[in-house]
C-alpha atoms as a PDB file:
ATOM      1  CA  MET A   1      -0.928  36.028 -15.989  1.00  0.00           C
ATOM      2  CA  SER A   2      -4.695  36.478 -14.704  1.00  0.00           C
ATOM      3  CA  ARG A   3      -5.557  37.348 -11.367  1.00  0.00           C
ATOM      4  CA  VAL A   4      -6.760  34.758  -8.786  1.00  0.00           C
ATOM      5  CA  ILE A   5     -10.479  34.461  -8.567  1.00  0.00           C
ATOM      6  CA  ASN A   6     -11.447  34.136  -4.982  1.00  0.00           C
ATOM      7  CA  GLY A   7     -13.863  35.410  -2.257  1.00  0.00           C
ATOM      8  CA  THR A   8     -16.718  34.684  -0.015  1.00  0.00           C
ATOM      9  CA  LEU A   9     -19.968  33.131  -0.424  1.00  0.00           C
ATOM     10  CA  TYR A  10     -22.878  33.484   2.041  1.00  0.00           C
ATOM     11  CA  VAL A  11     -25.386  30.820   2.092  1.00  0.00           C
ATOM     12  CA  ASP A  12     -28.655  30.758   3.939  1.00  0.00           C
ATOM     13  CA  VAL A  13     -29.536  26.963   3.628  1.00  0.00           C
ATOM     14  CA  PHE A  14     -27.443  24.078   2.494  1.00  0.00           C
ATOM     15  CA  ASN A  15     -30.312  21.568   1.064  1.00  0.00           C
ATOM     16  CA  PRO A  16     -28.779  18.311   1.186  1.00  0.00           C
ATOM     17  CA  THR A  17     -29.850  16.032  -1.933  1.00  0.00           C
ATOM     18  CA  ALA A  18     -30.426  12.213  -1.964  1.00  0.00           C
ATOM     19  CA  THR A  19     -26.699  12.011  -2.642  1.00  0.00           C
ATOM     20  CA  PRO A  20     -24.508  11.706   0.491  1.00  0.00           C
ATOM     21  CA  GLY A  21     -22.301  14.694   0.531  1.00  0.00           C
ATOM     22  CA  GLU A  22     -24.340  16.293  -2.119  1.00  0.00           C
ATOM     23  CA  TYR A  23     -25.912  19.851  -1.405  1.00  0.00           C
ATOM     24  CA  THR A  24     -27.836  22.791  -3.451  1.00  0.00           C
ATOM     25  CA  PHE A  25     -28.368  26.266  -2.414  1.00  0.00           C
ATOM     26  CA  THR A  26     -29.986  29.156  -3.827  1.00  0.00           C
ATOM     27  CA  ASN A  27     -29.327  32.756  -3.921  1.00  0.00           C
ATOM     28  CA  ALA A  28     -25.949  32.844  -2.346  1.00  0.00           C
ATOM     29  CA  ILE A  29     -24.312  35.979  -2.111  1.00  0.00           C
ATOM     30  CA  TYR A  30     -20.676  36.271  -3.698  1.00  0.00           C
ATOM     31  CA  GLU A  31     -17.862  38.794  -2.525  1.00  0.00           C
ATOM     32  CA  ASN A  32     -14.742  39.204  -4.324  1.00  0.00           C
ATOM     33  CA  GLN A  33     -12.417  42.572  -3.196  1.00  0.00           C
ATOM     34  CA  ALA A  34      -9.999  41.929  -5.808  1.00  0.00           C
ATOM     35  CA  ASP A  35     -12.075  41.329  -8.727  1.00  0.00           C
ATOM     36  CA  ALA A  36     -10.029  42.477 -11.846  1.00  0.00           C
ATOM     37  CA  THR A  37     -12.572  42.029 -14.289  1.00  0.00           C
ATOM     38  CA  GLY A  38     -15.606  43.649 -12.742  1.00  0.00           C
ATOM     39  CA  ASN A  39     -17.630  40.208 -13.912  1.00  0.00           C
ATOM     40  CA  GLY A  40     -18.594  39.367 -10.337  1.00  0.00           C
ATOM     41  CA  ALA A  41     -19.986  36.078 -10.079  1.00  0.00           C
ATOM     42  CA  ASN A  42     -19.732  35.589 -13.767  1.00  0.00           C
ATOM     43  CA  ASP A  43     -16.062  34.396 -12.983  1.00  0.00           C
ATOM     44  CA  LEU A  44     -17.227  31.543 -11.227  1.00  0.00           C
ATOM     45  CA  GLN A  45     -16.890  28.144 -12.825  1.00  0.00           C
ATOM     46  CA  LEU A  46     -17.295  24.151 -12.236  1.00  0.00           C
ATOM     47  CA  GLY A  47     -14.808  22.633 -10.343  1.00  0.00           C
ATOM     48  CA  PHE A  48     -14.329  25.857  -8.008  1.00  0.00           C
ATOM     49  CA  LEU A  49     -13.728  24.654  -4.546  1.00  0.00           C
ATOM     50  CA  VAL A  50     -15.939  25.745  -1.674  1.00  0.00           C
ATOM     51  CA  TYR A  51     -14.730  25.781   2.193  1.00  0.00           C
ATOM     52  CA  THR A  52     -17.468  25.650   4.621  1.00  0.00           C
ATOM     53  CA  GLN A  53     -17.722  26.063   8.133  1.00  0.00           C
ATOM     54  CA  ALA A  54     -18.077  22.505   9.933  1.00  0.00           C
ATOM     55  CA  THR A  55     -21.432  21.720  11.622  1.00  0.00           C
ATOM     56  CA  ASP A  56     -21.417  18.502  13.705  1.00  0.00           C
ATOM     57  CA  ILE A  57     -23.780  16.327  12.136  1.00  0.00           C
ATOM     58  CA  ASN A  58     -25.087  15.031  15.829  1.00  0.00           C
ATOM     59  CA  THR A  59     -25.349  18.023  17.960  1.00  0.00           C
ATOM     60  CA  ALA A  60     -25.916  20.380  14.837  1.00  0.00           C
ATOM     61  CA  MET A  61     -23.478  22.693  16.473  1.00  0.00           C
ATOM     62  CA  PRO A  62     -20.874  24.556  14.389  1.00  0.00           C
ATOM     63  CA  VAL A  63     -17.164  23.238  14.779  1.00  0.00           C
ATOM     64  CA  PRO A  64     -14.563  26.009  15.856  1.00  0.00           C
ATOM     65  CA  GLY A  65     -11.435  26.360  13.479  1.00  0.00           C
ATOM     66  CA  VAL A  66     -12.902  23.321  11.131  1.00  0.00           C
ATOM     67  CA  PHE A  67     -13.818  23.846   7.616  1.00  0.00           C
ATOM     68  CA  HIS A  68     -14.241  21.247   4.893  1.00  0.00           C
ATOM     69  CA  ARG A  69     -13.787  21.262   1.183  1.00  0.00           C
ATOM     70  CA  TYR A  70     -16.727  20.617  -1.473  1.00  0.00           C
ATOM     71  CA  LYS A  71     -16.403  21.204  -5.200  1.00  0.00           C
ATOM     72  CA  VAL A  72     -18.837  23.009  -7.109  1.00  0.00           C
ATOM     73  CA  THR A  73     -20.784  20.576  -9.807  1.00  0.00           C
ATOM     74  CA  ALA A  74     -23.172  23.138 -11.266  1.00  0.00           C
ATOM     75  CA  ILE A  75     -23.782  26.661 -11.117  1.00  0.00           C
ATOM     76  CA  THR A  76     -26.568  29.169 -12.365  1.00  0.00           C
ATOM     77  CA  VAL A  77     -25.520  32.845 -12.052  1.00  0.00           C
ATOM     78  CA  ILE A  78     -28.129  35.236 -11.112  1.00  0.00           C
ATOM     79  CA  ASP A  79     -26.519  38.311 -11.132  1.00  0.00           C
ATOM     80  CA  PRO A  80     -22.870  39.491 -10.553  1.00  0.00           C
ATOM     81  CA  VAL A  81     -23.268  38.955  -6.851  1.00  0.00           C
ATOM     82  CA  THR A  82     -25.997  36.064  -6.535  1.00  0.00           C
ATOM     83  CA  ILE A  83     -25.435  32.547  -7.581  1.00  0.00           C
ATOM     84  CA  ASP A  84     -27.461  29.141  -7.211  1.00  0.00           C
ATOM     85  CA  ALA A  85     -25.281  25.944  -7.200  1.00  0.00           C
ATOM     86  CA  THR A  86     -24.597  22.419  -6.072  1.00  0.00           C
ATOM     87  CA  ILE A  87     -21.588  21.207  -4.412  1.00  0.00           C
ATOM     88  CA  MET A  88     -20.110  17.751  -3.705  1.00  0.00           C
ATOM     89  CA  TRP A  89     -17.884  16.418  -0.900  1.00  0.00           C
ATOM     90  CA  ASP A  90     -14.180  16.708  -2.138  1.00  0.00           C
ATOM     91  CA  GLU A  91     -12.117  15.206   0.664  1.00  0.00           C
ATOM     92  CA  ALA A  92      -9.923  12.243   0.109  1.00  0.00           C
ATOM     93  CA  ARG A  93      -9.399  11.358   3.785  1.00  0.00           C
ATOM     94  CA  GLU A  94     -13.395  10.435   4.240  1.00  0.00           C
ATOM     95  CA  VAL A  95     -14.983   9.155   1.417  1.00  0.00           C
ATOM     96  CA  THR A  96     -18.304  10.515   2.907  1.00  0.00           C
ATOM     97  CA  GLU A  97     -18.549  13.608   4.784  1.00  0.00           C
ATOM     98  CA  VAL A  98     -17.774  13.747   8.656  1.00  0.00           C
ATOM     99  CA  ASP A  99     -19.537  17.103   8.958  1.00  0.00           C
ATOM    100  CA  ALA A 100     -22.137  19.004   7.254  1.00  0.00           C
ATOM    101  CA  PRO A 101     -21.623  22.421   6.165  1.00  0.00           C
ATOM    102  CA  THR A 102     -22.835  25.463   8.361  1.00  0.00           C
ATOM    103  CA  ASN A 103     -25.884  27.226   7.261  1.00  0.00           C
ATOM    104  CA  GLY A 104     -26.249  31.236   7.484  1.00  0.00           C
ATOM    105  CA  ALA A 105     -22.619  31.316   7.586  1.00  0.00           C
ATOM    106  CA  TYR A 106     -19.680  32.617   5.126  1.00  0.00           C
ATOM    107  CA  SER A 107     -17.959  30.333   3.202  1.00  0.00           C
ATOM    108  CA  ILE A 108     -14.710  30.732   0.984  1.00  0.00           C
ATOM    109  CA  ILE A 109     -15.025  29.947  -2.604  1.00  0.00           C
ATOM    110  CA  CYS A 110     -11.998  30.008  -5.127  1.00  0.00           C
ATOM    111  CA  GLU A 111     -10.426  28.637  -8.065  1.00  0.00           C
ATOM    112  CA  PRO A 112      -8.459  25.404  -7.828  1.00  0.00           C
ATOM    113  CA  SER A 113      -4.661  25.250  -8.624  1.00  0.00           C
ATOM    114  CA  ALA A 114      -4.042  23.572 -12.141  1.00  0.00           C
ATOM    115  CA  ALA A 115      -1.116  21.101 -10.727  1.00  0.00           C
ATOM    116  CA  ASP A 116      -2.317  19.772  -7.045  1.00  0.00           C
ATOM    117  CA  ASN A 117      -5.480  20.992  -7.289  1.00  0.00           C
ATOM    118  CA  PHE A 118      -5.121  23.588  -4.153  1.00  0.00           C
ATOM    119  CA  GLY A 119      -7.585  26.214  -3.406  1.00  0.00           C
ATOM    120  CA  SER A 120      -6.631  29.736  -3.949  1.00  0.00           C
ATOM    121  CA  ILE A 121      -7.910  30.413  -0.622  1.00  0.00           C
ATOM    122  CA  ALA A 122      -8.905  33.895   0.386  1.00  0.00           C
ATOM    123  CA  ALA A 123      -7.315  35.545   3.353  1.00  0.00           C
ATOM    124  CA  VAL A 124      -9.741  36.226   6.947  1.00  0.00           C
ATOM    125  CA  GLY A 125      -8.053  39.511   7.120  1.00  0.00           C
ATOM    126  CA  VAL A 126      -9.269  40.842   3.651  1.00  0.00           C
ATOM    127  CA  TYR A 127     -12.853  39.290   4.631  1.00  0.00           C
ATOM    128  CA  TYR A 128     -14.257  40.375   8.020  1.00  0.00           C
ATOM    129  CA  ASN A 129     -17.275  38.401   7.786  1.00  0.00           C
ATOM    130  CA  LEU A 130     -15.023  35.029   7.658  1.00  0.00           C
ATOM    131  CA  ASN A 131     -14.978  33.372  10.848  1.00  0.00           C
ATOM    132  CA  ALA A 132     -11.266  33.161  12.814  1.00  0.00           C
ATOM    133  CA  GLY A 133      -9.389  30.588  11.130  1.00  0.00           C
ATOM    134  CA  ALA A 134     -11.108  29.853   8.266  1.00  0.00           C
ATOM    135  CA  ASP A 135      -8.064  30.258   5.984  1.00  0.00           C
ATOM    136  CA  ILE A 136      -5.884  28.432   8.250  1.00  0.00           C
ATOM    137  CA  ALA A 137      -8.207  25.467   8.533  1.00  0.00           C
ATOM    138  CA  SER A 138      -9.123  25.788   4.627  1.00  0.00           C
ATOM    139  CA  TYR A 139      -5.012  25.404   3.781  1.00  0.00           C
ATOM    140  CA  VAL A 140      -4.938  22.386   6.348  1.00  0.00           C
ATOM    141  CA  SER A 141      -7.985  20.801   4.720  1.00  0.00           C
ATOM    142  CA  ASP A 142      -6.100  21.160   1.237  1.00  0.00           C
ATOM    143  CA  ILE A 143      -3.021  19.668   2.583  1.00  0.00           C
ATOM    144  CA  ARG A 144      -4.467  16.361   4.249  1.00  0.00           C
ATOM    145  CA  ASN A 145      -6.505  16.408   1.002  1.00  0.00           C
ATOM    146  CA  LYS A 146      -3.324  16.205  -1.041  1.00  0.00           C
ATOM    147  CA  ILE A 147      -1.222  13.798   1.247  1.00  0.00           C
ATOM    148  CA  ASP A 148      -4.452  11.294   1.437  1.00  0.00           C
ATOM    149  CA  SER A 149      -5.162  11.357  -2.337  1.00  0.00           C
ATOM    150  CA  ASP A 150      -1.342  10.142  -3.035  1.00  0.00           C
ATOM    151  CA  VAL A 151      -2.190   7.373  -0.658  1.00  0.00           C
ATOM    152  CA  PHE A 152      -5.826   6.383  -1.243  1.00  0.00           C
ATOM    153  CA  LYS A 153      -7.984   5.940  -4.025  1.00  0.00           C
ATOM    154  CA  SER A 154     -11.807   5.571  -3.703  1.00  0.00           C
ATOM    155  CA  TYR A 155     -13.280   2.005  -5.390  1.00  0.00           C
ATOM    156  CA  THR A 156     -16.688   0.284  -5.463  1.00  0.00           C
ATOM    157  CA  ASN A 157     -16.535  -2.840  -3.700  1.00  0.00           C
ATOM    158  CA  VAL A 158     -17.895  -5.594  -6.135  1.00  0.00           C
ATOM    159  CA  GLU A 159     -16.825  -8.920  -4.530  1.00  0.00           C
ATOM    160  CA  GLY A 160     -20.324  -9.760  -3.663  1.00  0.00           C
ATOM    161  CA  SER A 161     -20.218  -9.536   0.159  1.00  0.00           C
ATOM    162  CA  THR A 162     -18.091  -7.292   2.694  1.00  0.00           C
ATOM    163  CA  ILE A 163     -14.485  -6.462   2.599  1.00  0.00           C
ATOM    164  CA  ASN A 164     -12.449  -5.549   5.637  1.00  0.00           C
ATOM    165  CA  LYS A 165      -9.532  -3.577   6.649  1.00  0.00           C
ATOM    166  CA  TYR A 166      -6.067  -5.343   5.475  1.00  0.00           C
ATOM    167  CA  ASP A 167      -7.832  -7.380   2.752  1.00  0.00           C
ATOM    168  CA  ILE A 168      -5.878  -7.666  -0.433  1.00  0.00           C
ATOM    169  CA  VAL A 169      -7.774  -6.429  -3.512  1.00  0.00           C
ATOM    170  CA  PHE A 170      -7.136  -5.801  -6.918  1.00  0.00           C
ATOM    171  CA  GLU A 171      -8.752  -3.424  -9.553  1.00  0.00           C
ATOM    172  CA  SER A 172     -11.251  -5.920 -11.456  1.00  0.00           C
ATOM    173  CA  SER A 173     -12.486  -3.478 -13.776  1.00  0.00           C
ATOM    174  CA  ALA A 174     -12.493   0.737 -13.687  1.00  0.00           C
ATOM    175  CA  GLY A 175     -13.378   1.839 -10.513  1.00  0.00           C
ATOM    176  CA  ASN A 176     -14.067  -1.529  -8.993  1.00  0.00           C
ATOM    177  CA  VAL A 177     -12.152  -4.272  -6.480  1.00  0.00           C
ATOM    178  CA  GLN A 178     -12.155  -7.590  -5.904  1.00  0.00           C
ATOM    179  CA  LEU A 179     -10.448  -9.929  -3.325  1.00  0.00           C
ATOM    180  CA  ALA A 180      -6.852 -10.560  -5.049  1.00  0.00           C
ATOM    181  CA  ARG A 181      -5.666 -14.185  -5.627  1.00  0.00           C
ATOM    182  CA  ALA A 182      -2.479 -14.920  -7.146  1.00  0.00           C
ATOM    183  CA  ASP A 183      -4.007 -16.411 -10.230  1.00  0.00           C
ATOM    184  CA  ASP A 184      -5.155 -15.600 -14.057  1.00  0.00           C
ATOM    185  CA  ALA A 185      -7.063 -12.592 -12.975  1.00  0.00           C
ATOM    186  CA  ILE A 186      -3.688 -10.607 -11.970  1.00  0.00           C
ATOM    187  CA  LYS A 187      -1.461  -9.719 -15.039  1.00  0.00           C
ATOM    188  CA  PRO A 188       1.399  -7.383 -15.051  1.00  0.00           C
ATOM    189  CA  GLY A 189       0.147  -3.893 -14.737  1.00  0.00           C
ATOM    190  CA  THR A 190      -2.866  -4.891 -12.569  1.00  0.00           C
ATOM    191  CA  VAL A 191      -3.470  -2.228  -9.693  1.00  0.00           C
ATOM    192  CA  ILE A 192      -2.816  -4.098  -6.260  1.00  0.00           C
ATOM    193  CA  GLY A 193      -4.093  -2.528  -2.878  1.00  0.00           C
ATOM    194  CA  ILE A 194      -5.183  -2.908   0.430  1.00  0.00           C
ATOM    195  CA  VAL A 195      -8.492  -2.224   2.105  1.00  0.00           C
ATOM    196  CA  TYR A 196      -8.207   1.070   4.450  1.00  0.00           C
ATOM    197  CA  ASP A 197     -11.570   1.290   5.696  1.00  0.00           C
ATOM    198  CA  THR A 198     -12.766  -0.805   8.581  1.00  0.00           C
ATOM    199  CA  THR A 199     -15.382  -2.277   6.371  1.00  0.00           C
ATOM    200  CA  ILE A 200     -16.605  -1.931   2.915  1.00  0.00           C
ATOM    201  CA  ASP A 201     -20.142  -3.308   2.036  1.00  0.00           C
ATOM    202  CA  ASP A 202     -20.812  -4.849  -1.518  1.00  0.00           C
ATOM    203  CA  SER A 203     -21.631  -2.261  -3.820  1.00  0.00           C
ATOM    204  CA  THR A 204     -20.700   0.731  -1.903  1.00  0.00           C
ATOM    205  CA  VAL A 205     -17.305   2.873  -2.081  1.00  0.00           C
ATOM    206  CA  GLY A 206     -14.457   2.889   0.072  1.00  0.00           C
ATOM    207  CA  ARG A 207     -10.898   3.574   0.089  1.00  0.00           C
ATOM    208  CA  ILE A 208      -7.847   1.401  -1.243  1.00  0.00           C
ATOM    209  CA  VAL A 209      -4.101   2.036  -0.232  1.00  0.00           C
ATOM    210  CA  ILE A 210      -2.382   2.310  -3.612  1.00  0.00           C
ATOM    211  CA  LYS A 211       0.847   4.076  -2.905  1.00  0.00           C
ATOM    212  CA  ARG A 212       4.090   2.584  -3.008  1.00  0.00           C
ATOM    213  CA  GLY A 213       6.081   2.971   0.005  1.00  0.00           C
ATOM    214  CA  TYR A 214       3.308   3.396   2.348  1.00  0.00           C
ATOM    215  CA  ARG A 215       3.766   1.545   5.640  1.00  0.00           C
ATOM    216  CA  MET A 216       0.517   0.076   7.096  1.00  0.00           C
ATOM    217  CA  LYS A 217       0.489  -0.981  10.468  1.00  0.00           C
ATOM    218  CA  GLY A 218      -2.506  -3.134  12.100  1.00  0.00           C
ATOM    219  CA  PHE A 219      -1.373  -6.665  10.616  1.00  0.00           C
ATOM    220  CA  SER A 220      -0.699  -9.879  12.889  1.00  0.00           C
ATOM    221  CA  GLY A 221       1.442 -12.740  12.320  1.00  0.00           C
ATOM    222  CA  LEU A 222       3.867 -11.524   9.813  1.00  0.00           C
ATOM    223  CA  THR A 223       7.529 -12.510   9.984  1.00  0.00           C
ATOM    224  CA  PRO A 224       9.574  -9.327   9.862  1.00  0.00           C
ATOM    225  CA  SER A 225      12.069  -8.803   7.544  1.00  0.00           C
ATOM    226  CA  GLU A 226      10.555 -11.254   5.052  1.00  0.00           C
ATOM    227  CA  PRO A 227       8.870 -10.616   1.851  1.00  0.00           C
ATOM    228  CA  CYS A 228       4.868 -10.918   1.811  1.00  0.00           C
ATOM    229  CA  TYR A 229       2.893 -12.224  -1.168  1.00  0.00           C
ATOM    230  CA  ILE A 230      -0.857 -12.321  -2.280  1.00  0.00           C
ATOM    231  CA  SER A 231      -2.238 -16.091  -1.365  1.00  0.00           C
ATOM    232  CA  ARG A 232      -2.989 -18.351  -4.350  1.00  0.00           C
ATOM    233  CA  THR A 233      -5.812 -20.188  -2.399  1.00  0.00           C
ATOM    234  CA  THR A 234      -7.298 -17.791  -0.153  1.00  0.00           C
ATOM    235  CA  ALA A 235      -8.760 -14.657  -1.878  1.00  0.00           C
ATOM    236  CA  GLY A 236      -7.281 -11.227   0.020  1.00  0.00           C
ATOM    237  CA  THR A 237      -4.747 -12.801   2.194  1.00  0.00           C
ATOM    238  CA  ILE A 238      -1.282 -12.798   2.618  1.00  0.00           C
ATOM    239  CA  VAL A 239       1.499 -15.517   2.617  1.00  0.00           C
ATOM    240  CA  GLN A 240       5.145 -15.305   3.049  1.00  0.00           C
ATOM    241  CA  ASN A 241       6.044 -18.842   1.925  1.00  0.00           C
ATOM    242  CA  LEU A 242       5.907 -19.847  -1.999  1.00  0.00           C
ATOM    243  CA  THR A 243       6.518 -23.489  -0.657  1.00  0.00           C
ATOM    244  CA  GLY A 244       4.632 -25.768  -3.191  1.00  0.00           C
ATOM    245  CA  TRP A 245       4.036 -23.218  -5.843  1.00  0.00           C
ATOM    246  CA  LEU A 246       5.097 -24.635  -9.437  1.00  0.00           C
ATOM    247  CA  VAL A 247       6.982 -23.065 -12.213  1.00  0.00           C
ATOM    248  CA  GLY A 248       4.943 -20.667 -14.300  1.00  0.00           C
ATOM    249  CA  GLU A 249       2.511 -19.736 -11.377  1.00  0.00           C
ATOM    250  CA  HIS A 250       1.591 -16.102 -10.600  1.00  0.00           C
ATOM    251  CA  VAL A 251       3.502 -14.741  -7.884  1.00  0.00           C
ATOM    252  CA  VAL A 252       2.404 -11.319  -6.754  1.00  0.00           C
ATOM    253  CA  TYR A 253       4.589  -9.465  -4.332  1.00  0.00           C
ATOM    254  CA  LEU A 254       3.339  -6.906  -1.894  1.00  0.00           C
ATOM    255  CA  GLY A 255       6.202  -5.783   0.006  1.00  0.00           C
ATOM    256  CA  GLU A 256       8.051  -6.677   3.189  1.00  0.00           C
ATOM    257  CA  ALA A 257       6.984  -7.381   6.888  1.00  0.00           C
ATOM    258  CA  LEU A 258       8.927  -4.474   8.629  1.00  0.00           C
ATOM    259  CA  ALA A 259       7.448  -6.021  11.894  1.00  0.00           C
ATOM    260  CA  SER A 260       4.592  -8.802  13.017  1.00  0.00           C
ATOM    261  CA  ASP A 261       1.869  -6.024  12.445  1.00  0.00           C
ATOM    262  CA  GLU A 262       3.519  -3.828   9.800  1.00  0.00           C
ATOM    263  CA  LEU A 263       3.837  -4.187   5.976  1.00  0.00           C
ATOM    264  CA  GLU A 264       5.554  -1.488   3.698  1.00  0.00           C
ATOM    265  CA  PHE A 265       3.736  -1.974   0.320  1.00  0.00           C
ATOM    266  CA  ASN A 266       5.634  -2.168  -2.760  1.00  0.00           C
ATOM    267  CA  PRO A 267       3.773  -4.604  -5.145  1.00  0.00           C
ATOM    268  CA  GLY A 268       5.044  -6.105  -7.826  1.00  0.00           C
ATOM    269  CA  TYR A 269       4.297  -9.253 -10.445  1.00  0.00           C
ATOM    270  CA  GLY A 270       6.121 -12.461 -11.529  1.00  0.00           C
ATOM    271  CA  VAL A 271       6.113 -16.046 -11.930  1.00  0.00           C
ATOM    272  CA  GLU A 272       7.085 -18.653  -9.743  1.00  0.00           C
ATOM    273  CA  TYR A 273      10.487 -20.559 -11.642  1.00  0.00           C
END
């Protein structure tokens, strides 16, 4: 088994592009104290992870103990210790970045694990130039990212209007969602979800809850211990009564109300009989 590739990267200036969360930088200095191959920066590849010290977007001040995760999407190796690269925000909790990377500071760069896409993070004790807590903060970023990526998925709203938190949606085409109604658009195997973000404007990306068993609070008017279904008449809404539904009509089960404001999400498909 080959040795893990990780180290530090000194970036003088992160240059934002027109794409939110994307940055380019040039002449970054790479250090790997456990370089088994002698290849230096030539071992760095697309898909490697970069953990950067956070800078508050509003105050332009570094945030102590907070590192955020980005992914390398383009790289040019200048020499064994120098690279140019492009990185992209890579955290599931927020669709767009909440902080900016810190200029003139040392970041962690490393290969991801094959299984769960965790970073093989360098230790602060090995690299004296890393800020205190950089390794722990980076691990925390990975753990949150793993947990949240199991719960959420990012989709583009193609409803034609804004959708709101707690709206019920379905995957109408790859990567796209619309408000859900129990009709012919939904079939067995259709991905059903709940809007997590406060709002998702039309043609923009937002987070949708897709994890079975996820307990989501914030609803209102649910009858506890009763099943919840997608409405046949009002897109995106929940009903708990199938009275008036006819034999053969679609029934899309969402889960059970645990309280008047809480739903345990366990979607399923059926027909009225």
